[in-house]
C-alpha cells in the first residue's frame, strides 16, 4: 500500500509549511533540503508517524538515511507495518 500522501500530510503539519509538503514527490530530498527540517522536526515527525500508523521504532533503527528522501522515509515506515 502506498502511504505517500499520509506521510506528506504529516510532513506538512510537523513543518508548518502550509500545504507545500503536498508538492513534494517520492524523490524529494528532506534532510538539509526542506527548511525547518531539523532534529526537533525529526523527533516530532517520528512521534506523529508512530501514532498515525500505530507502530514503534527502535532508536537504533533511525539514522539520517531514513530521512534523506520521501521515498526512503516511506520505505522505512512500510517496513514496520504489520503484514
C-alpha atoms as a PDB file:
ATOM      1  CA  UNK A   1       0.000   0.000   0.000  1.00  0.00           C
ATOM      2  CA  UNK A   2       1.239   3.490  -0.830  1.00  0.00           C
ATOM      3  CA  UNK A   3       1.418   5.739   2.231  1.00  0.00           C
ATOM      4  CA  UNK A   4       2.961   8.713   0.457  1.00  0.00           C
ATOM      5  CA  UNK A   5       0.017  11.083   0.900  1.00  0.00           C
ATOM      6  CA  UNK A   6      -0.231  10.371   4.617  1.00  0.00           C
ATOM      7  CA  UNK A   7       3.500  10.978   5.060  1.00  0.00           C
ATOM      8  CA  UNK A   8       3.337  14.203   3.040  1.00  0.00           C
ATOM      9  CA  UNK A   9       0.459  15.424   5.191  1.00  0.00           C
ATOM     10  CA  UNK A  10       2.433  14.628   8.348  1.00  0.00           C
ATOM     11  CA  UNK A  11       5.492  16.448   6.983  1.00  0.00           C
ATOM     12  CA  UNK A  12       3.293  19.414   6.134  1.00  0.00           C
ATOM     13  CA  UNK A  13       1.822  19.513   9.636  1.00  0.00           C
ATOM     14  CA  UNK A  14       5.083  18.986  11.526  1.00  0.00           C
ATOM     15  CA  UNK A  15       6.998  21.545   9.486  1.00  0.00           C
ATOM     16  CA  UNK A  16       4.076  24.005   9.264  1.00  0.00           C
ATOM     17  CA  UNK A  17       4.746  24.547   5.573  1.00  0.00           C
ATOM     18  CA  UNK A  18       1.129  25.259   4.638  1.00  0.00           C
ATOM     19  CA  UNK A  19       0.412  22.557   2.033  1.00  0.00           C
ATOM     20  CA  UNK A  20       3.830  22.893   0.367  1.00  0.00           C
ATOM     21  CA  UNK A  21       4.561  19.425   1.717  1.00  0.00           C
ATOM     22  CA  UNK A  22       1.957  18.027  -0.630  1.00  0.00           C
ATOM     23  CA  UNK A  23       4.050  19.207  -3.573  1.00  0.00           C
ATOM     24  CA  UNK A  24       6.932  17.001  -2.529  1.00  0.00           C
ATOM     25  CA  UNK A  25       7.467  13.826  -4.533  1.00  0.00           C
ATOM     26  CA  UNK A  26       8.922  10.458  -3.578  1.00  0.00           C
ATOM     27  CA  UNK A  27      12.301  11.670  -4.859  1.00  0.00           C
ATOM     28  CA  UNK A  28      12.225  14.945  -2.933  1.00  0.00           C
ATOM     29  CA  UNK A  29      15.170  15.454  -0.599  1.00  0.00           C
ATOM     30  CA  UNK A  30      14.253  16.064   3.037  1.00  0.00           C
ATOM     31  CA  UNK A  31      17.163  16.488   5.458  1.00  0.00           C
ATOM     32  CA  UNK A  32      19.205  19.576   4.619  1.00  0.00           C
ATOM     33  CA  UNK A  33      16.772  20.416   1.815  1.00  0.00           C
ATOM     34  CA  UNK A  34      13.440  21.338   3.414  1.00  0.00           C
ATOM     35  CA  UNK A  35      13.565  24.482   5.574  1.00  0.00           C
ATOM     36  CA  UNK A  36      12.839  23.719   9.205  1.00  0.00           C
ATOM     37  CA  UNK A  37      13.526  20.005   8.888  1.00  0.00           C
ATOM     38  CA  UNK A  38      15.948  19.818  11.780  1.00  0.00           C
ATOM     39  CA  UNK A  39      16.486  17.407  14.663  1.00  0.00           C
ATOM     40  CA  UNK A  40      13.452  18.714  16.554  1.00  0.00           C
ATOM     41  CA  UNK A  41      11.274  18.214  13.479  1.00  0.00           C
ATOM     42  CA  UNK A  42      12.639  14.684  13.079  1.00  0.00           C
ATOM     43  CA  UNK A  43      11.619  13.837  16.647  1.00  0.00           C
ATOM     44  CA  UNK A  44       8.153  15.334  16.139  1.00  0.00           C
ATOM     45  CA  UNK A  45       7.725  13.532  12.825  1.00  0.00           C
ATOM     46  CA  UNK A  46       8.750  10.184  14.314  1.00  0.00           C
ATOM     47  CA  UNK A  47       6.185  10.632  17.065  1.00  0.00           C
ATOM     48  CA  UNK A  48       3.454  11.566  14.589  1.00  0.00           C
ATOM     49  CA  UNK A  49       4.288   8.613  12.313  1.00  0.00           C
ATOM     50  CA  UNK A  50       4.274   6.176  15.225  1.00  0.00           C
ATOM     51  CA  UNK A  51       0.868   7.471  16.334  1.00  0.00           C
ATOM     52  CA  UNK A  52      -0.631   7.628  12.849  1.00  0.00           C
ATOM     53  CA  UNK A  53       0.402   4.119  11.838  1.00  0.00           C
ATOM     54  CA  UNK A  54       0.319   2.565  15.343  1.00  0.00           C
ATOM     55  CA  UNK A  55       3.912   1.377  15.087  1.00  0.00           C
ATOM     56  CA  UNK A  56       7.081   1.898  17.105  1.00  0.00           C
ATOM     57  CA  UNK A  57      10.655   2.397  16.000  1.00  0.00           C
ATOM     58  CA  UNK A  58      13.761   1.478  17.936  1.00  0.00           C
ATOM     59  CA  UNK A  59      16.192   4.351  18.384  1.00  0.00           C
ATOM     60  CA  UNK A  60      18.931   2.161  16.933  1.00  0.00           C
ATOM     61  CA  UNK A  61      16.999   1.813  13.652  1.00  0.00           C
ATOM     62  CA  UNK A  62      16.821   5.529  12.964  1.00  0.00           C
ATOM     63  CA  UNK A  63      19.596   7.434  11.236  1.00  0.00           C
ATOM     64  CA  UNK A  64      19.899  10.215   8.696  1.00  0.00           C
ATOM     65  CA  UNK A  65      19.419   7.885   5.738  1.00  0.00           C
ATOM     66  CA  UNK A  66      15.814   7.290   6.791  1.00  0.00           C
ATOM     67  CA  UNK A  67      15.081  10.978   6.231  1.00  0.00           C
ATOM     68  CA  UNK A  68      17.104  11.541   3.074  1.00  0.00           C
ATOM     69  CA  UNK A  69      14.075  11.419   0.734  1.00  0.00           C
ATOM     70  CA  UNK A  70      10.331  10.946   0.934  1.00  0.00           C
ATOM     71  CA  UNK A  71      10.838   7.504  -0.609  1.00  0.00           C
ATOM     72  CA  UNK A  72      13.402   6.416   1.985  1.00  0.00           C
ATOM     73  CA  UNK A  73      11.057   7.536   4.767  1.00  0.00           C
ATOM     74  CA  UNK A  74       8.143   5.704   3.182  1.00  0.00           C
ATOM     75  CA  UNK A  75      10.188   2.523   2.785  1.00  0.00           C
ATOM     76  CA  UNK A  76      11.253   2.702   6.423  1.00  0.00           C
ATOM     77  CA  UNK A  77       7.666   3.191   7.629  1.00  0.00           C
ATOM     78  CA  UNK A  78       6.227   0.449   5.440  1.00  0.00           C
ATOM     79  CA  UNK A  79       8.905  -1.972   6.661  1.00  0.00           C
ATOM     80  CA  UNK A  80       7.452  -1.568  10.160  1.00  0.00           C
ATOM     81  CA  UNK A  81       3.802  -2.004   9.267  1.00  0.00           C
ATOM     82  CA  UNK A  82       2.164  -5.321  10.114  1.00  0.00           C
ATOM     83  CA  UNK A  83       1.595  -7.626   7.152  1.00  0.00           C
END
